[in-house]
Amino acid sequence: MIHAVDHRTPALVAHPPHPHPPARLARLALVVVPPSRSKKTGKKLTFVDPEKVANNARVNDTVFQFLSIVSGIVCGVLGYTDLKGLGAFFAFNCVIGAAVCAKLKGDVKSHFASWDKIFVAGAGASAGTFILFWTLFYNICHLF
């Protein structure tokens, strides 16, 4: 499979894909075409690199998964039940989302399409993990 073409030589040069993509948030590499150059619509055109979007979503999911394990263990050990545990889940997700925004230095638009990609997608992906570890550690600490 050919991934890149070297234009300096007439032969095609194959570059193997990286086995492990970078495990950090990458800028979306936004390219804005001014209205004078977009002839038909007169609007600014924005192009986004889909590989970087997928990388950022993967990193965000990994962060939320890991921290939902930690928060589930904390809630289980503290003995939270019912609405107290649900409230703790939302509180932990707000803290995690705020930490991700702080890591981005408030510049969410250059890394994600919108802020809800951080909070909603991360919390939705980690809800099952949180419940699993919350109930597991609650049972270990308080029932057995």
Protein backbone atom coordinates (compact mmCIF):
# COMPACT_ATOMS: atom_id res chain seq x y z
CA MET A 1 0.00 0.00 0.00
CA ILE A 2 1.45 3.36 -0.97
CA HIS A 3 1.00 6.06 1.64
CA ALA A 4 3.09 8.89 0.23
CA VAL A 5 4.67 9.87 -3.04
CA ASP A 6 8.14 11.32 -3.22
CA HIS A 7 8.02 13.85 -6.05
CA ARG A 8 11.80 14.19 -6.26
CA THR A 9 12.22 10.77 -7.85
CA PRO A 10 10.18 9.26 -10.65
CA ALA A 11 9.53 6.03 -8.70
CA LEU A 12 6.83 5.77 -6.06
CA VAL A 13 8.21 5.41 -2.55
CA ALA A 14 6.12 3.57 0.02
CA HIS A 15 6.23 4.82 3.59
CA PRO A 16 4.92 2.40 6.22
CA PRO A 17 2.24 3.79 8.52
CA HIS A 18 3.20 4.57 12.09
CA PRO A 19 2.33 1.56 14.28
CA HIS A 20 1.23 3.77 17.17
CA PRO A 21 -0.17 7.25 16.53
CA PRO A 22 0.86 9.98 18.97
CA ALA A 23 -0.99 9.74 22.27
CA ARG A 24 -1.60 13.44 22.69
CA LEU A 25 -4.05 15.97 21.41
CA ALA A 26 -3.15 17.37 18.00
CA ARG A 27 -4.28 20.56 16.37
CA LEU A 28 -6.86 20.03 13.65
CA ALA A 29 -4.73 21.80 11.05
CA LEU A 30 -7.46 24.18 10.03
CA VAL A 31 -7.00 25.78 6.64
CA VAL A 32 -9.22 28.78 6.02
CA VAL A 33 -9.69 30.01 2.46
CA PRO A 34 -10.57 33.72 2.40
CA PRO A 35 -13.87 34.76 0.77
CA SER A 36 -12.11 36.33 -2.20
CA ARG A 37 -10.58 32.98 -3.18
CA SER A 38 -13.76 30.92 -2.80
CA LYS A 39 -15.44 32.19 -5.93
CA LYS A 40 -18.87 30.56 -5.92
CA THR A 41 -20.11 31.10 -2.37
CA GLY A 42 -18.05 34.01 -1.11
CA LYS A 43 -17.81 32.30 2.30
CA LYS A 44 -14.79 31.19 4.23
CA LEU A 45 -14.01 27.54 3.66
CA THR A 46 -12.48 25.46 6.44
CA PHE A 47 -10.77 22.14 5.86
CA VAL A 48 -10.03 19.77 8.73
CA ASP A 49 -7.66 16.79 8.78
CA PRO A 50 -9.84 13.73 9.62
CA GLU A 51 -6.88 11.77 11.00
CA LYS A 52 -6.27 14.42 13.63
CA VAL A 53 -9.96 14.54 14.50
CA ALA A 54 -9.94 10.76 15.03
CA ASN A 55 -6.71 10.99 17.07
CA ASN A 56 -8.19 13.67 19.34
CA ALA A 57 -11.37 11.64 19.87
CA ARG A 58 -9.29 8.55 20.70
CA VAL A 59 -7.12 10.47 23.19
CA ASN A 60 -10.18 12.09 24.77
CA ASP A 61 -11.87 8.69 25.17
CA THR A 62 -8.72 7.24 26.73
CA VAL A 63 -8.51 10.08 29.25
CA PHE A 64 -12.16 9.74 30.20
CA GLN A 65 -11.94 5.93 30.44
CA PHE A 66 -8.93 6.01 32.75
CA LEU A 67 -10.33 8.73 34.99
CA SER A 68 -13.76 7.10 35.11
CA ILE A 69 -12.05 3.98 36.49
CA VAL A 70 -10.43 6.10 39.20
CA SER A 71 -13.65 7.96 39.99
CA GLY A 72 -15.65 4.71 40.05
CA ILE A 73 -13.20 3.24 42.55
CA VAL A 74 -13.41 6.38 44.72
CA CYS A 75 -17.23 6.36 44.70
CA GLY A 76 -17.34 2.64 45.50
CA VAL A 77 -14.89 2.91 48.38
CA LEU A 78 -16.70 5.94 49.82
CA GLY A 79 -19.97 3.99 49.71
CA TYR A 80 -21.96 6.28 47.44
CA THR A 81 -25.33 4.85 46.34
CA ASP A 82 -28.28 5.99 44.23
CA LEU A 83 -28.38 9.70 43.37
CA LYS A 84 -25.22 10.42 45.34
CA GLY A 85 -23.25 8.15 42.99
CA LEU A 86 -24.95 9.58 39.90
CA GLY A 87 -24.19 13.11 41.08
CA ALA A 88 -20.58 12.11 41.72
CA PHE A 89 -20.38 10.72 38.16
CA PHE A 90 -21.50 14.04 36.69
CA ALA A 91 -19.22 16.01 39.03
CA PHE A 92 -16.20 13.88 38.10
CA ASN A 93 -17.00 14.27 34.39
CA CYS A 94 -17.22 18.04 34.75
CA VAL A 95 -13.83 18.04 36.48
CA ILE A 96 -12.32 15.78 33.82
CA GLY A 97 -13.75 17.92 31.00
CA ALA A 98 -12.46 21.08 32.68
CA ALA A 99 -9.02 19.47 32.99
CA VAL A 100 -9.02 18.64 29.27
CA CYS A 101 -10.04 22.23 28.46
CA ALA A 102 -7.28 23.50 30.76
CA LYS A 103 -4.79 21.26 28.95
CA LEU A 104 -5.94 22.89 25.70
CA LYS A 105 -5.48 26.31 27.34
CA GLY A 106 -9.09 27.18 26.51
CA ASP A 107 -8.54 26.85 22.74
CA VAL A 108 -11.13 24.11 22.18
CA LYS A 109 -11.94 25.09 18.57
CA SER A 110 -8.44 24.29 17.31
CA HIS A 111 -8.58 20.72 18.69
CA PHE A 112 -12.27 19.72 18.57
CA ALA A 113 -15.24 20.69 16.44
CA SER A 114 -17.11 21.97 19.51
CA TRP A 115 -16.97 21.79 23.31
CA ASP A 116 -19.60 19.04 23.48
CA LYS A 117 -17.16 16.65 21.80
CA ILE A 118 -15.15 16.84 25.01
CA PHE A 119 -17.87 16.63 27.65
CA VAL A 120 -20.73 14.65 26.08
CA ALA A 121 -18.70 12.17 24.03
CA GLY A 122 -16.27 11.55 26.89
CA ALA A 123 -18.98 11.05 29.50
CA GLY A 124 -21.01 8.80 27.22
CA ALA A 125 -18.04 6.59 26.47
CA SER A 126 -17.03 6.25 30.11
CA ALA A 127 -20.42 5.74 31.78
CA GLY A 128 -20.30 1.94 31.63
CA THR A 129 -16.75 1.82 32.96
CA PHE A 130 -17.68 4.09 35.86
CA ILE A 131 -20.68 1.95 36.80
CA LEU A 132 -18.64 -1.25 36.58
CA PHE A 133 -15.90 -0.06 38.93
CA TRP A 134 -18.33 1.78 41.21
CA THR A 135 -20.41 -1.34 41.84
CA LEU A 136 -17.37 -3.64 41.98
CA PHE A 137 -15.58 -1.62 44.66
CA TYR A 138 -18.80 -0.89 46.55
CA ASN A 139 -19.40 -4.64 46.78
CA ILE A 140 -15.80 -5.39 47.76
CA CYS A 141 -15.67 -2.72 50.48
CA HIS A 142 -19.21 -2.75 51.89
CA LEU A 143 -20.84 -6.12 51.20
CA PHE A 144 -18.08 -8.71 51.57
